[in-house]
Amino acid sequence: FLARKEKWLVLSVYVLGAFFLIANF
């Protein structure tokens, strides 16, 4: 939305999210 180009941040939160999704089950 803010047209930021911080792909490292987005990638990092997706990796963390994937880790917690796996841990969830």
PDBML (XML) file of the C-alpha atoms, coordinates in Angstrom:
<?xml version="1.0" encoding="UTF-8" ?>
<PDBx:datablock datablockName="MODEL"
   xmlns:PDBx="http://pdbml.pdb.org/schema/pdbx-v50.xsd"
   xmlns:xsi="http://www.w3.org/2001/XMLSchema-instance"
   xsi:schemaLocation="http://pdbml.pdb.org/schema/pdbx-v50.xsd pdbx-v50.xsd">
   <PDBx:atom_siteCategory>
      <PDBx:atom_site id="1">
         <PDBx:B_iso_or_equiv>0.00</PDBx:B_iso_or_equiv>
         <PDBx:Cartn_x>0.000</PDBx:Cartn_x>
         <PDBx:Cartn_y>0.000</PDBx:Cartn_y>
         <PDBx:Cartn_z>0.000</PDBx:Cartn_z>
         <PDBx:auth_asym_id>A</PDBx:auth_asym_id>
         <PDBx:auth_atom_id>CA</PDBx:auth_atom_id>
         <PDBx:auth_comp_id>PHE</PDBx:auth_comp_id>
         <PDBx:auth_seq_id>1</PDBx:auth_seq_id>
         <PDBx:group_PDB>ATOM</PDBx:group_PDB>
         <PDBx:label_alt_id xsi:nil="true" />
         <PDBx:label_asym_id>A</PDBx:label_asym_id>
         <PDBx:label_atom_id>CA</PDBx:label_atom_id>
         <PDBx:label_comp_id>PHE</PDBx:label_comp_id>
         <PDBx:label_entity_id>1</PDBx:label_entity_id>
         <PDBx:label_seq_id>1</PDBx:label_seq_id>
         <PDBx:occupancy>1.00</PDBx:occupancy>
         <PDBx:pdbx_PDB_model_num>1</PDBx:pdbx_PDB_model_num>
         <PDBx:type_symbol>C</PDBx:type_symbol>
      </PDBx:atom_site>
      <PDBx:atom_site id="2">
         <PDBx:B_iso_or_equiv>0.00</PDBx:B_iso_or_equiv>
         <PDBx:Cartn_x>2.827</PDBx:Cartn_x>
         <PDBx:Cartn_y>2.392</PDBx:Cartn_y>
         <PDBx:Cartn_z>0.858</PDBx:Cartn_z>
         <PDBx:auth_asym_id>A</PDBx:auth_asym_id>
         <PDBx:auth_atom_id>CA</PDBx:auth_atom_id>
         <PDBx:auth_comp_id>LEU</PDBx:auth_comp_id>
         <PDBx:auth_seq_id>2</PDBx:auth_seq_id>
         <PDBx:group_PDB>ATOM</PDBx:group_PDB>
         <PDBx:label_alt_id xsi:nil="true" />
         <PDBx:label_asym_id>A</PDBx:label_asym_id>
         <PDBx:label_atom_id>CA</PDBx:label_atom_id>
         <PDBx:label_comp_id>LEU</PDBx:label_comp_id>
         <PDBx:label_entity_id>1</PDBx:label_entity_id>
         <PDBx:label_seq_id>2</PDBx:label_seq_id>
         <PDBx:occupancy>1.00</PDBx:occupancy>
         <PDBx:pdbx_PDB_model_num>1</PDBx:pdbx_PDB_model_num>
         <PDBx:type_symbol>C</PDBx:type_symbol>
      </PDBx:atom_site>
      <PDBx:atom_site id="3">
         <PDBx:B_iso_or_equiv>0.00</PDBx:B_iso_or_equiv>
         <PDBx:Cartn_x>4.784</PDBx:Cartn_x>
         <PDBx:Cartn_y>1.294</PDBx:Cartn_y>
         <PDBx:Cartn_z>-2.248</PDBx:Cartn_z>
         <PDBx:auth_asym_id>A</PDBx:auth_asym_id>
         <PDBx:auth_atom_id>CA</PDBx:auth_atom_id>
         <PDBx:auth_comp_id>ALA</PDBx:auth_comp_id>
         <PDBx:auth_seq_id>3</PDBx:auth_seq_id>
         <PDBx:group_PDB>ATOM</PDBx:group_PDB>
         <PDBx:label_alt_id xsi:nil="true" />
         <PDBx:label_asym_id>A</PDBx:label_asym_id>
         <PDBx:label_atom_id>CA</PDBx:label_atom_id>
         <PDBx:label_comp_id>ALA</PDBx:label_comp_id>
         <PDBx:label_entity_id>1</PDBx:label_entity_id>
         <PDBx:label_seq_id>3</PDBx:label_seq_id>
         <PDBx:occupancy>1.00</PDBx:occupancy>
         <PDBx:pdbx_PDB_model_num>1</PDBx:pdbx_PDB_model_num>
         <PDBx:type_symbol>C</PDBx:type_symbol>
      </PDBx:atom_site>
      <PDBx:atom_site id="4">
         <PDBx:B_iso_or_equiv>0.00</PDBx:B_iso_or_equiv>
         <PDBx:Cartn_x>7.735</PDBx:Cartn_x>
         <PDBx:Cartn_y>0.299</PDBx:Cartn_y>
         <PDBx:Cartn_z>-0.089</PDBx:Cartn_z>
         <PDBx:auth_asym_id>A</PDBx:auth_asym_id>
         <PDBx:auth_atom_id>CA</PDBx:auth_atom_id>
         <PDBx:auth_comp_id>ARG</PDBx:auth_comp_id>
         <PDBx:auth_seq_id>4</PDBx:auth_seq_id>
         <PDBx:group_PDB>ATOM</PDBx:group_PDB>
         <PDBx:label_alt_id xsi:nil="true" />
         <PDBx:label_asym_id>A</PDBx:label_asym_id>
         <PDBx:label_atom_id>CA</PDBx:label_atom_id>
         <PDBx:label_comp_id>ARG</PDBx:label_comp_id>
         <PDBx:label_entity_id>1</PDBx:label_entity_id>
         <PDBx:label_seq_id>4</PDBx:label_seq_id>
         <PDBx:occupancy>1.00</PDBx:occupancy>
         <PDBx:pdbx_PDB_model_num>1</PDBx:pdbx_PDB_model_num>
         <PDBx:type_symbol>C</PDBx:type_symbol>
      </PDBx:atom_site>
      <PDBx:atom_site id="5">
         <PDBx:B_iso_or_equiv>0.00</PDBx:B_iso_or_equiv>
         <PDBx:Cartn_x>10.340</PDBx:Cartn_x>
         <PDBx:Cartn_y>-1.956</PDBx:Cartn_y>
         <PDBx:Cartn_z>-1.640</PDBx:Cartn_z>
         <PDBx:auth_asym_id>A</PDBx:auth_asym_id>
         <PDBx:auth_atom_id>CA</PDBx:auth_atom_id>
         <PDBx:auth_comp_id>LYS</PDBx:auth_comp_id>
         <PDBx:auth_seq_id>5</PDBx:auth_seq_id>
         <PDBx:group_PDB>ATOM</PDBx:group_PDB>
         <PDBx:label_alt_id xsi:nil="true" />
         <PDBx:label_asym_id>A</PDBx:label_asym_id>
         <PDBx:label_atom_id>CA</PDBx:label_atom_id>
         <PDBx:label_comp_id>LYS</PDBx:label_comp_id>
         <PDBx:label_entity_id>1</PDBx:label_entity_id>
         <PDBx:label_seq_id>5</PDBx:label_seq_id>
         <PDBx:occupancy>1.00</PDBx:occupancy>
         <PDBx:pdbx_PDB_model_num>1</PDBx:pdbx_PDB_model_num>
         <PDBx:type_symbol>C</PDBx:type_symbol>
      </PDBx:atom_site>
      <PDBx:atom_site id="6">
         <PDBx:B_iso_or_equiv>0.00</PDBx:B_iso_or_equiv>
         <PDBx:Cartn_x>11.382</PDBx:Cartn_x>
         <PDBx:Cartn_y>-3.772</PDBx:Cartn_y>
         <PDBx:Cartn_z>1.527</PDBx:Cartn_z>
         <PDBx:auth_asym_id>A</PDBx:auth_asym_id>
         <PDBx:auth_atom_id>CA</PDBx:auth_atom_id>
         <PDBx:auth_comp_id>GLU</PDBx:auth_comp_id>
         <PDBx:auth_seq_id>6</PDBx:auth_seq_id>
         <PDBx:group_PDB>ATOM</PDBx:group_PDB>
         <PDBx:label_alt_id xsi:nil="true" />
         <PDBx:label_asym_id>A</PDBx:label_asym_id>
         <PDBx:label_atom_id>CA</PDBx:label_atom_id>
         <PDBx:label_comp_id>GLU</PDBx:label_comp_id>
         <PDBx:label_entity_id>1</PDBx:label_entity_id>
         <PDBx:label_seq_id>6</PDBx:label_seq_id>
         <PDBx:occupancy>1.00</PDBx:occupancy>
         <PDBx:pdbx_PDB_model_num>1</PDBx:pdbx_PDB_model_num>
         <PDBx:type_symbol>C</PDBx:type_symbol>
      </PDBx:atom_site>
      <PDBx:atom_site id="7">
         <PDBx:B_iso_or_equiv>0.00</PDBx:B_iso_or_equiv>
         <PDBx:Cartn_x>11.182</PDBx:Cartn_x>
         <PDBx:Cartn_y>-7.291</PDBx:Cartn_y>
         <PDBx:Cartn_z>0.145</PDBx:Cartn_z>
         <PDBx:auth_asym_id>A</PDBx:auth_asym_id>
         <PDBx:auth_atom_id>CA</PDBx:auth_atom_id>
         <PDBx:auth_comp_id>LYS</PDBx:auth_comp_id>
         <PDBx:auth_seq_id>7</PDBx:auth_seq_id>
         <PDBx:group_PDB>ATOM</PDBx:group_PDB>
         <PDBx:label_alt_id xsi:nil="true" />
         <PDBx:label_asym_id>A</PDBx:label_asym_id>
         <PDBx:label_atom_id>CA</PDBx:label_atom_id>
         <PDBx:label_comp_id>LYS</PDBx:label_comp_id>
         <PDBx:label_entity_id>1</PDBx:label_entity_id>
         <PDBx:label_seq_id>7</PDBx:label_seq_id>
         <PDBx:occupancy>1.00</PDBx:occupancy>
         <PDBx:pdbx_PDB_model_num>1</PDBx:pdbx_PDB_model_num>
         <PDBx:type_symbol>C</PDBx:type_symbol>
      </PDBx:atom_site>
      <PDBx:atom_site id="8">
         <PDBx:B_iso_or_equiv>0.00</PDBx:B_iso_or_equiv>
         <PDBx:Cartn_x>13.461</PDBx:Cartn_x>
         <PDBx:Cartn_y>-8.589</PDBx:Cartn_y>
         <PDBx:Cartn_z>2.904</PDBx:Cartn_z>
         <PDBx:auth_asym_id>A</PDBx:auth_asym_id>
         <PDBx:auth_atom_id>CA</PDBx:auth_atom_id>
         <PDBx:auth_comp_id>TRP</PDBx:auth_comp_id>
         <PDBx:auth_seq_id>8</PDBx:auth_seq_id>
         <PDBx:group_PDB>ATOM</PDBx:group_PDB>
         <PDBx:label_alt_id xsi:nil="true" />
         <PDBx:label_asym_id>A</PDBx:label_asym_id>
         <PDBx:label_atom_id>CA</PDBx:label_atom_id>
         <PDBx:label_comp_id>TRP</PDBx:label_comp_id>
         <PDBx:label_entity_id>1</PDBx:label_entity_id>
         <PDBx:label_seq_id>8</PDBx:label_seq_id>
         <PDBx:occupancy>1.00</PDBx:occupancy>
         <PDBx:pdbx_PDB_model_num>1</PDBx:pdbx_PDB_model_num>
         <PDBx:type_symbol>C</PDBx:type_symbol>
      </PDBx:atom_site>
      <PDBx:atom_site id="9">
         <PDBx:B_iso_or_equiv>0.00</PDBx:B_iso_or_equiv>
         <PDBx:Cartn_x>10.841</PDBx:Cartn_x>
         <PDBx:Cartn_y>-7.625</PDBx:Cartn_y>
         <PDBx:Cartn_z>5.503</PDBx:Cartn_z>
         <PDBx:auth_asym_id>A</PDBx:auth_asym_id>
         <PDBx:auth_atom_id>CA</PDBx:auth_atom_id>
         <PDBx:auth_comp_id>LEU</PDBx:auth_comp_id>
         <PDBx:auth_seq_id>9</PDBx:auth_seq_id>
         <PDBx:group_PDB>ATOM</PDBx:group_PDB>
         <PDBx:label_alt_id xsi:nil="true" />
         <PDBx:label_asym_id>A</PDBx:label_asym_id>
         <PDBx:label_atom_id>CA</PDBx:label_atom_id>
         <PDBx:label_comp_id>LEU</PDBx:label_comp_id>
         <PDBx:label_entity_id>1</PDBx:label_entity_id>
         <PDBx:label_seq_id>9</PDBx:label_seq_id>
         <PDBx:occupancy>1.00</PDBx:occupancy>
         <PDBx:pdbx_PDB_model_num>1</PDBx:pdbx_PDB_model_num>
         <PDBx:type_symbol>C</PDBx:type_symbol>
      </PDBx:atom_site>
      <PDBx:atom_site id="10">
         <PDBx:B_iso_or_equiv>0.00</PDBx:B_iso_or_equiv>
         <PDBx:Cartn_x>7.976</PDBx:Cartn_x>
         <PDBx:Cartn_y>-9.287</PDBx:Cartn_y>
         <PDBx:Cartn_z>3.640</PDBx:Cartn_z>
         <PDBx:auth_asym_id>A</PDBx:auth_asym_id>
         <PDBx:auth_atom_id>CA</PDBx:auth_atom_id>
         <PDBx:auth_comp_id>VAL</PDBx:auth_comp_id>
         <PDBx:auth_seq_id>10</PDBx:auth_seq_id>
         <PDBx:group_PDB>ATOM</PDBx:group_PDB>
         <PDBx:label_alt_id xsi:nil="true" />
         <PDBx:label_asym_id>A</PDBx:label_asym_id>
         <PDBx:label_atom_id>CA</PDBx:label_atom_id>
         <PDBx:label_comp_id>VAL</PDBx:label_comp_id>
         <PDBx:label_entity_id>1</PDBx:label_entity_id>
         <PDBx:label_seq_id>10</PDBx:label_seq_id>
         <PDBx:occupancy>1.00</PDBx:occupancy>
         <PDBx:pdbx_PDB_model_num>1</PDBx:pdbx_PDB_model_num>
         <PDBx:type_symbol>C</PDBx:type_symbol>
      </PDBx:atom_site>
      <PDBx:atom_site id="11">
         <PDBx:B_iso_or_equiv>0.00</PDBx:B_iso_or_equiv>
         <PDBx:Cartn_x>10.040</PDBx:Cartn_x>
         <PDBx:Cartn_y>-12.419</PDBx:Cartn_y>
         <PDBx:Cartn_z>2.998</PDBx:Cartn_z>
         <PDBx:auth_asym_id>A</PDBx:auth_asym_id>
         <PDBx:auth_atom_id>CA</PDBx:auth_atom_id>
         <PDBx:auth_comp_id>LEU</PDBx:auth_comp_id>
         <PDBx:auth_seq_id>11</PDBx:auth_seq_id>
         <PDBx:group_PDB>ATOM</PDBx:group_PDB>
         <PDBx:label_alt_id xsi:nil="true" />
         <PDBx:label_asym_id>A</PDBx:label_asym_id>
         <PDBx:label_atom_id>CA</PDBx:label_atom_id>
         <PDBx:label_comp_id>LEU</PDBx:label_comp_id>
         <PDBx:label_entity_id>1</PDBx:label_entity_id>
         <PDBx:label_seq_id>11</PDBx:label_seq_id>
         <PDBx:occupancy>1.00</PDBx:occupancy>
         <PDBx:pdbx_PDB_model_num>1</PDBx:pdbx_PDB_model_num>
         <PDBx:type_symbol>C</PDBx:type_symbol>
      </PDBx:atom_site>
      <PDBx:atom_site id="12">
         <PDBx:B_iso_or_equiv>0.00</PDBx:B_iso_or_equiv>
         <PDBx:Cartn_x>11.097</PDBx:Cartn_x>
         <PDBx:Cartn_y>-12.543</PDBx:Cartn_y>
         <PDBx:Cartn_z>6.664</PDBx:Cartn_z>
         <PDBx:auth_asym_id>A</PDBx:auth_asym_id>
         <PDBx:auth_atom_id>CA</PDBx:auth_atom_id>
         <PDBx:auth_comp_id>SER</PDBx:auth_comp_id>
         <PDBx:auth_seq_id>12</PDBx:auth_seq_id>
         <PDBx:group_PDB>ATOM</PDBx:group_PDB>
         <PDBx:label_alt_id xsi:nil="true" />
         <PDBx:label_asym_id>A</PDBx:label_asym_id>
         <PDBx:label_atom_id>CA</PDBx:label_atom_id>
         <PDBx:label_comp_id>SER</PDBx:label_comp_id>
         <PDBx:label_entity_id>1</PDBx:label_entity_id>
         <PDBx:label_seq_id>12</PDBx:label_seq_id>
         <PDBx:occupancy>1.00</PDBx:occupancy>
         <PDBx:pdbx_PDB_model_num>1</PDBx:pdbx_PDB_model_num>
         <PDBx:type_symbol>C</PDBx:type_symbol>
      </PDBx:atom_site>
      <PDBx:atom_site id="13">
         <PDBx:B_iso_or_equiv>0.00</PDBx:B_iso_or_equiv>
         <PDBx:Cartn_x>7.533</PDBx:Cartn_x>
         <PDBx:Cartn_y>-12.399</PDBx:Cartn_y>
         <PDBx:Cartn_z>7.989</PDBx:Cartn_z>
         <PDBx:auth_asym_id>A</PDBx:auth_asym_id>
         <PDBx:auth_atom_id>CA</PDBx:auth_atom_id>
         <PDBx:auth_comp_id>VAL</PDBx:auth_comp_id>
         <PDBx:auth_seq_id>13</PDBx:auth_seq_id>
         <PDBx:group_PDB>ATOM</PDBx:group_PDB>
         <PDBx:label_alt_id xsi:nil="true" />
         <PDBx:label_asym_id>A</PDBx:label_asym_id>
         <PDBx:label_atom_id>CA</PDBx:label_atom_id>
         <PDBx:label_comp_id>VAL</PDBx:label_comp_id>
         <PDBx:label_entity_id>1</PDBx:label_entity_id>
         <PDBx:label_seq_id>13</PDBx:label_seq_id>
         <PDBx:occupancy>1.00</PDBx:occupancy>
         <PDBx:pdbx_PDB_model_num>1</PDBx:pdbx_PDB_model_num>
         <PDBx:type_symbol>C</PDBx:type_symbol>
      </PDBx:atom_site>
      <PDBx:atom_site id="14">
         <PDBx:B_iso_or_equiv>0.00</PDBx:B_iso_or_equiv>
         <PDBx:Cartn_x>6.417</PDBx:Cartn_x>
         <PDBx:Cartn_y>-15.082</PDBx:Cartn_y>
         <PDBx:Cartn_z>5.513</PDBx:Cartn_z>
         <PDBx:auth_asym_id>A</PDBx:auth_asym_id>
         <PDBx:auth_atom_id>CA</PDBx:auth_atom_id>
         <PDBx:auth_comp_id>TYR</PDBx:auth_comp_id>
         <PDBx:auth_seq_id>14</PDBx:auth_seq_id>
         <PDBx:group_PDB>ATOM</PDBx:group_PDB>
         <PDBx:label_alt_id xsi:nil="true" />
         <PDBx:label_asym_id>A</PDBx:label_asym_id>
         <PDBx:label_atom_id>CA</PDBx:label_atom_id>
         <PDBx:label_comp_id>TYR</PDBx:label_comp_id>
         <PDBx:label_entity_id>1</PDBx:label_entity_id>
         <PDBx:label_seq_id>14</PDBx:label_seq_id>
         <PDBx:occupancy>1.00</PDBx:occupancy>
         <PDBx:pdbx_PDB_model_num>1</PDBx:pdbx_PDB_model_num>
         <PDBx:type_symbol>C</PDBx:type_symbol>
      </PDBx:atom_site>
      <PDBx:atom_site id="15">
         <PDBx:B_iso_or_equiv>0.00</PDBx:B_iso_or_equiv>
         <PDBx:Cartn_x>9.233</PDBx:Cartn_x>
         <PDBx:Cartn_y>-17.359</PDBx:Cartn_y>
         <PDBx:Cartn_z>6.693</PDBx:Cartn_z>
         <PDBx:auth_asym_id>A</PDBx:auth_asym_id>
         <PDBx:auth_atom_id>CA</PDBx:auth_atom_id>
         <PDBx:auth_comp_id>VAL</PDBx:auth_comp_id>
         <PDBx:auth_seq_id>15</PDBx:auth_seq_id>
         <PDBx:group_PDB>ATOM</PDBx:group_PDB>
         <PDBx:label_alt_id xsi:nil="true" />
         <PDBx:label_asym_id>A</PDBx:label_asym_id>
         <PDBx:label_atom_id>CA</PDBx:label_atom_id>
         <PDBx:label_comp_id>VAL</PDBx:label_comp_id>
         <PDBx:label_entity_id>1</PDBx:label_entity_id>
         <PDBx:label_seq_id>15</PDBx:label_seq_id>
         <PDBx:occupancy>1.00</PDBx:occupancy>
         <PDBx:pdbx_PDB_model_num>1</PDBx:pdbx_PDB_model_num>
         <PDBx:type_symbol>C</PDBx:type_symbol>
      </PDBx:atom_site>
      <PDBx:atom_site id="16">
         <PDBx:B_iso_or_equiv>0.00</PDBx:B_iso_or_equiv>
         <PDBx:Cartn_x>8.258</PDBx:Cartn_x>
         <PDBx:Cartn_y>-16.746</PDBx:Cartn_y>
         <PDBx:Cartn_z>10.326</PDBx:Cartn_z>
         <PDBx:auth_asym_id>A</PDBx:auth_asym_id>
         <PDBx:auth_atom_id>CA</PDBx:auth_atom_id>
         <PDBx:auth_comp_id>LEU</PDBx:auth_comp_id>
         <PDBx:auth_seq_id>16</PDBx:auth_seq_id>
         <PDBx:group_PDB>ATOM</PDBx:group_PDB>
         <PDBx:label_alt_id xsi:nil="true" />
         <PDBx:label_asym_id>A</PDBx:label_asym_id>
         <PDBx:label_atom_id>CA</PDBx:label_atom_id>
         <PDBx:label_comp_id>LEU</PDBx:label_comp_id>
         <PDBx:label_entity_id>1</PDBx:label_entity_id>
         <PDBx:label_seq_id>16</PDBx:label_seq_id>
         <PDBx:occupancy>1.00</PDBx:occupancy>
         <PDBx:pdbx_PDB_model_num>1</PDBx:pdbx_PDB_model_num>
         <PDBx:type_symbol>C</PDBx:type_symbol>
      </PDBx:atom_site>
      <PDBx:atom_site id="17">
         <PDBx:B_iso_or_equiv>0.00</PDBx:B_iso_or_equiv>
         <PDBx:Cartn_x>4.605</PDBx:Cartn_x>
         <PDBx:Cartn_y>-17.307</PDBx:Cartn_y>
         <PDBx:Cartn_z>9.459</PDBx:Cartn_z>
         <PDBx:auth_asym_id>A</PDBx:auth_asym_id>
         <PDBx:auth_atom_id>CA</PDBx:auth_atom_id>
         <PDBx:auth_comp_id>GLY</PDBx:auth_comp_id>
         <PDBx:auth_seq_id>17</PDBx:auth_seq_id>
         <PDBx:group_PDB>ATOM</PDBx:group_PDB>
         <PDBx:label_alt_id xsi:nil="true" />
         <PDBx:label_asym_id>A</PDBx:label_asym_id>
         <PDBx:label_atom_id>CA</PDBx:label_atom_id>
         <PDBx:label_comp_id>GLY</PDBx:label_comp_id>
         <PDBx:label_entity_id>1</PDBx:label_entity_id>
         <PDBx:label_seq_id>17</PDBx:label_seq_id>
         <PDBx:occupancy>1.00</PDBx:occupancy>
         <PDBx:pdbx_PDB_model_num>1</PDBx:pdbx_PDB_model_num>
         <PDBx:type_symbol>C</PDBx:type_symbol>
      </PDBx:atom_site>
      <PDBx:atom_site id="18">
         <PDBx:B_iso_or_equiv>0.00</PDBx:B_iso_or_equiv>
         <PDBx:Cartn_x>5.415</PDBx:Cartn_x>
         <PDBx:Cartn_y>-20.603</PDBx:Cartn_y>
         <PDBx:Cartn_z>7.742</PDBx:Cartn_z>
         <PDBx:auth_asym_id>A</PDBx:auth_asym_id>
         <PDBx:auth_atom_id>CA</PDBx:auth_atom_id>
         <PDBx:auth_comp_id>ALA</PDBx:auth_comp_id>
         <PDBx:auth_seq_id>18</PDBx:auth_seq_id>
         <PDBx:group_PDB>ATOM</PDBx:group_PDB>
         <PDBx:label_alt_id xsi:nil="true" />
         <PDBx:label_asym_id>A</PDBx:label_asym_id>
         <PDBx:label_atom_id>CA</PDBx:label_atom_id>
         <PDBx:label_comp_id>ALA</PDBx:label_comp_id>
         <PDBx:label_entity_id>1</PDBx:label_entity_id>
         <PDBx:label_seq_id>18</PDBx:label_seq_id>
         <PDBx:occupancy>1.00</PDBx:occupancy>
         <PDBx:pdbx_PDB_model_num>1</PDBx:pdbx_PDB_model_num>
         <PDBx:type_symbol>C</PDBx:type_symbol>
      </PDBx:atom_site>
      <PDBx:atom_site id="19">
         <PDBx:B_iso_or_equiv>0.00</PDBx:B_iso_or_equiv>
         <PDBx:Cartn_x>7.413</PDBx:Cartn_x>
         <PDBx:Cartn_y>-21.711</PDBx:Cartn_y>
         <PDBx:Cartn_z>10.790</PDBx:Cartn_z>
         <PDBx:auth_asym_id>A</PDBx:auth_asym_id>
         <PDBx:auth_atom_id>CA</PDBx:auth_atom_id>
         <PDBx:auth_comp_id>PHE</PDBx:auth_comp_id>
         <PDBx:auth_seq_id>19</PDBx:auth_seq_id>
         <PDBx:group_PDB>ATOM</PDBx:group_PDB>
         <PDBx:label_alt_id xsi:nil="true" />
         <PDBx:label_asym_id>A</PDBx:label_asym_id>
         <PDBx:label_atom_id>CA</PDBx:label_atom_id>
         <PDBx:label_comp_id>PHE</PDBx:label_comp_id>
         <PDBx:label_entity_id>1</PDBx:label_entity_id>
         <PDBx:label_seq_id>19</PDBx:label_seq_id>
         <PDBx:occupancy>1.00</PDBx:occupancy>
         <PDBx:pdbx_PDB_model_num>1</PDBx:pdbx_PDB_model_num>
         <PDBx:type_symbol>C</PDBx:type_symbol>
      </PDBx:atom_site>
      <PDBx:atom_site id="20">
         <PDBx:B_iso_or_equiv>0.00</PDBx:B_iso_or_equiv>
         <PDBx:Cartn_x>4.538</PDBx:Cartn_x>
         <PDBx:Cartn_y>-20.937</PDBx:Cartn_y>
         <PDBx:Cartn_z>13.170</PDBx:Cartn_z>
         <PDBx:auth_asym_id>A</PDBx:auth_asym_id>
         <PDBx:auth_atom_id>CA</PDBx:auth_atom_id>
         <PDBx:auth_comp_id>PHE</PDBx:auth_comp_id>
         <PDBx:auth_seq_id>20</PDBx:auth_seq_id>
         <PDBx:group_PDB>ATOM</PDBx:group_PDB>
         <PDBx:label_alt_id xsi:nil="true" />
         <PDBx:label_asym_id>A</PDBx:label_asym_id>
         <PDBx:label_atom_id>CA</PDBx:label_atom_id>
         <PDBx:label_comp_id>PHE</PDBx:label_comp_id>
         <PDBx:label_entity_id>1</PDBx:label_entity_id>
         <PDBx:label_seq_id>20</PDBx:label_seq_id>
         <PDBx:occupancy>1.00</PDBx:occupancy>
         <PDBx:pdbx_PDB_model_num>1</PDBx:pdbx_PDB_model_num>
         <PDBx:type_symbol>C</PDBx:type_symbol>
      </PDBx:atom_site>
      <PDBx:atom_site id="21">
         <PDBx:B_iso_or_equiv>0.00</PDBx:B_iso_or_equiv>
         <PDBx:Cartn_x>1.968</PDBx:Cartn_x>
         <PDBx:Cartn_y>-22.561</PDBx:Cartn_y>
         <PDBx:Cartn_z>10.855</PDBx:Cartn_z>
         <PDBx:auth_asym_id>A</PDBx:auth_asym_id>
         <PDBx:auth_atom_id>CA</PDBx:auth_atom_id>
         <PDBx:auth_comp_id>LEU</PDBx:auth_comp_id>
         <PDBx:auth_seq_id>21</PDBx:auth_seq_id>
         <PDBx:group_PDB>ATOM</PDBx:group_PDB>
         <PDBx:label_alt_id xsi:nil="true" />
         <PDBx:label_asym_id>A</PDBx:label_asym_id>
         <PDBx:label_atom_id>CA</PDBx:label_atom_id>
         <PDBx:label_comp_id>LEU</PDBx:label_comp_id>
         <PDBx:label_entity_id>1</PDBx:label_entity_id>
         <PDBx:label_seq_id>21</PDBx:label_seq_id>
         <PDBx:occupancy>1.00</PDBx:occupancy>
         <PDBx:pdbx_PDB_model_num>1</PDBx:pdbx_PDB_model_num>
         <PDBx:type_symbol>C</PDBx:type_symbol>
      </PDBx:atom_site>
      <PDBx:atom_site id="22">
         <PDBx:B_iso_or_equiv>0.00</PDBx:B_iso_or_equiv>
         <PDBx:Cartn_x>3.992</PDBx:Cartn_x>
         <PDBx:Cartn_y>-25.778</PDBx:Cartn_y>
         <PDBx:Cartn_z>10.923</PDBx:Cartn_z>
         <PDBx:auth_asym_id>A</PDBx:auth_asym_id>
         <PDBx:auth_atom_id>CA</PDBx:auth_atom_id>
         <PDBx:auth_comp_id>ILE</PDBx:auth_comp_id>
         <PDBx:auth_seq_id>22</PDBx:auth_seq_id>
         <PDBx:group_PDB>ATOM</PDBx:group_PDB>
         <PDBx:label_alt_id xsi:nil="true" />
         <PDBx:label_asym_id>A</PDBx:label_asym_id>
         <PDBx:label_atom_id>CA</PDBx:label_atom_id>
         <PDBx:label_comp_id>ILE</PDBx:label_comp_id>
         <PDBx:label_entity_id>1</PDBx:label_entity_id>
         <PDBx:label_seq_id>22</PDBx:label_seq_id>
         <PDBx:occupancy>1.00</PDBx:occupancy>
         <PDBx:pdbx_PDB_model_num>1</PDBx:pdbx_PDB_model_num>
         <PDBx:type_symbol>C</PDBx:type_symbol>
      </PDBx:atom_site>
      <PDBx:atom_site id="23">
         <PDBx:B_iso_or_equiv>0.00</PDBx:B_iso_or_equiv>
         <PDBx:Cartn_x>4.451</PDBx:Cartn_x>
         <PDBx:Cartn_y>-25.515</PDBx:Cartn_y>
         <PDBx:Cartn_z>14.703</PDBx:Cartn_z>
         <PDBx:auth_asym_id>A</PDBx:auth_asym_id>
         <PDBx:auth_atom_id>CA</PDBx:auth_atom_id>
         <PDBx:auth_comp_id>ALA</PDBx:auth_comp_id>
         <PDBx:auth_seq_id>23</PDBx:auth_seq_id>
         <PDBx:group_PDB>ATOM</PDBx:group_PDB>
         <PDBx:label_alt_id xsi:nil="true" />
         <PDBx:label_asym_id>A</PDBx:label_asym_id>
         <PDBx:label_atom_id>CA</PDBx:label_atom_id>
         <PDBx:label_comp_id>ALA</PDBx:label_comp_id>
         <PDBx:label_entity_id>1</PDBx:label_entity_id>
         <PDBx:label_seq_id>23</PDBx:label_seq_id>
         <PDBx:occupancy>1.00</PDBx:occupancy>
         <PDBx:pdbx_PDB_model_num>1</PDBx:pdbx_PDB_model_num>
         <PDBx:type_symbol>C</PDBx:type_symbol>
      </PDBx:atom_site>
      <PDBx:atom_site id="24">
         <PDBx:B_iso_or_equiv>0.00</PDBx:B_iso_or_equiv>
         <PDBx:Cartn_x>0.707</PDBx:Cartn_x>
         <PDBx:Cartn_y>-24.937</PDBx:Cartn_y>
         <PDBx:Cartn_z>15.089</PDBx:Cartn_z>
         <PDBx:auth_asym_id>A</PDBx:auth_asym_id>
         <PDBx:auth_atom_id>CA</PDBx:auth_atom_id>
         <PDBx:auth_comp_id>ASN</PDBx:auth_comp_id>
         <PDBx:auth_seq_id>24</PDBx:auth_seq_id>
         <PDBx:group_PDB>ATOM</PDBx:group_PDB>
         <PDBx:label_alt_id xsi:nil="true" />
         <PDBx:label_asym_id>A</PDBx:label_asym_id>
         <PDBx:label_atom_id>CA</PDBx:label_atom_id>
         <PDBx:label_comp_id>ASN</PDBx:label_comp_id>
         <PDBx:label_entity_id>1</PDBx:label_entity_id>
         <PDBx:label_seq_id>24</PDBx:label_seq_id>
         <PDBx:occupancy>1.00</PDBx:occupancy>
         <PDBx:pdbx_PDB_model_num>1</PDBx:pdbx_PDB_model_num>
         <PDBx:type_symbol>C</PDBx:type_symbol>
      </PDBx:atom_site>
      <PDBx:atom_site id="25">
         <PDBx:B_iso_or_equiv>0.00</PDBx:B_iso_or_equiv>
         <PDBx:Cartn_x>-0.078</PDBx:Cartn_x>
         <PDBx:Cartn_y>-28.501</PDBx:Cartn_y>
         <PDBx:Cartn_z>14.051</PDBx:Cartn_z>
         <PDBx:auth_asym_id>A</PDBx:auth_asym_id>
         <PDBx:auth_atom_id>CA</PDBx:auth_atom_id>
         <PDBx:auth_comp_id>PHE</PDBx:auth_comp_id>
         <PDBx:auth_seq_id>25</PDBx:auth_seq_id>
         <PDBx:group_PDB>ATOM</PDBx:group_PDB>
         <PDBx:label_alt_id xsi:nil="true" />
         <PDBx:label_asym_id>A</PDBx:label_asym_id>
         <PDBx:label_atom_id>CA</PDBx:label_atom_id>
         <PDBx:label_comp_id>PHE</PDBx:label_comp_id>
         <PDBx:label_entity_id>1</PDBx:label_entity_id>
         <PDBx:label_seq_id>25</PDBx:label_seq_id>
         <PDBx:occupancy>1.00</PDBx:occupancy>
         <PDBx:pdbx_PDB_model_num>1</PDBx:pdbx_PDB_model_num>
         <PDBx:type_symbol>C</PDBx:type_symbol>
      </PDBx:atom_site>
   </PDBx:atom_siteCategory>
</PDBx:datablock>
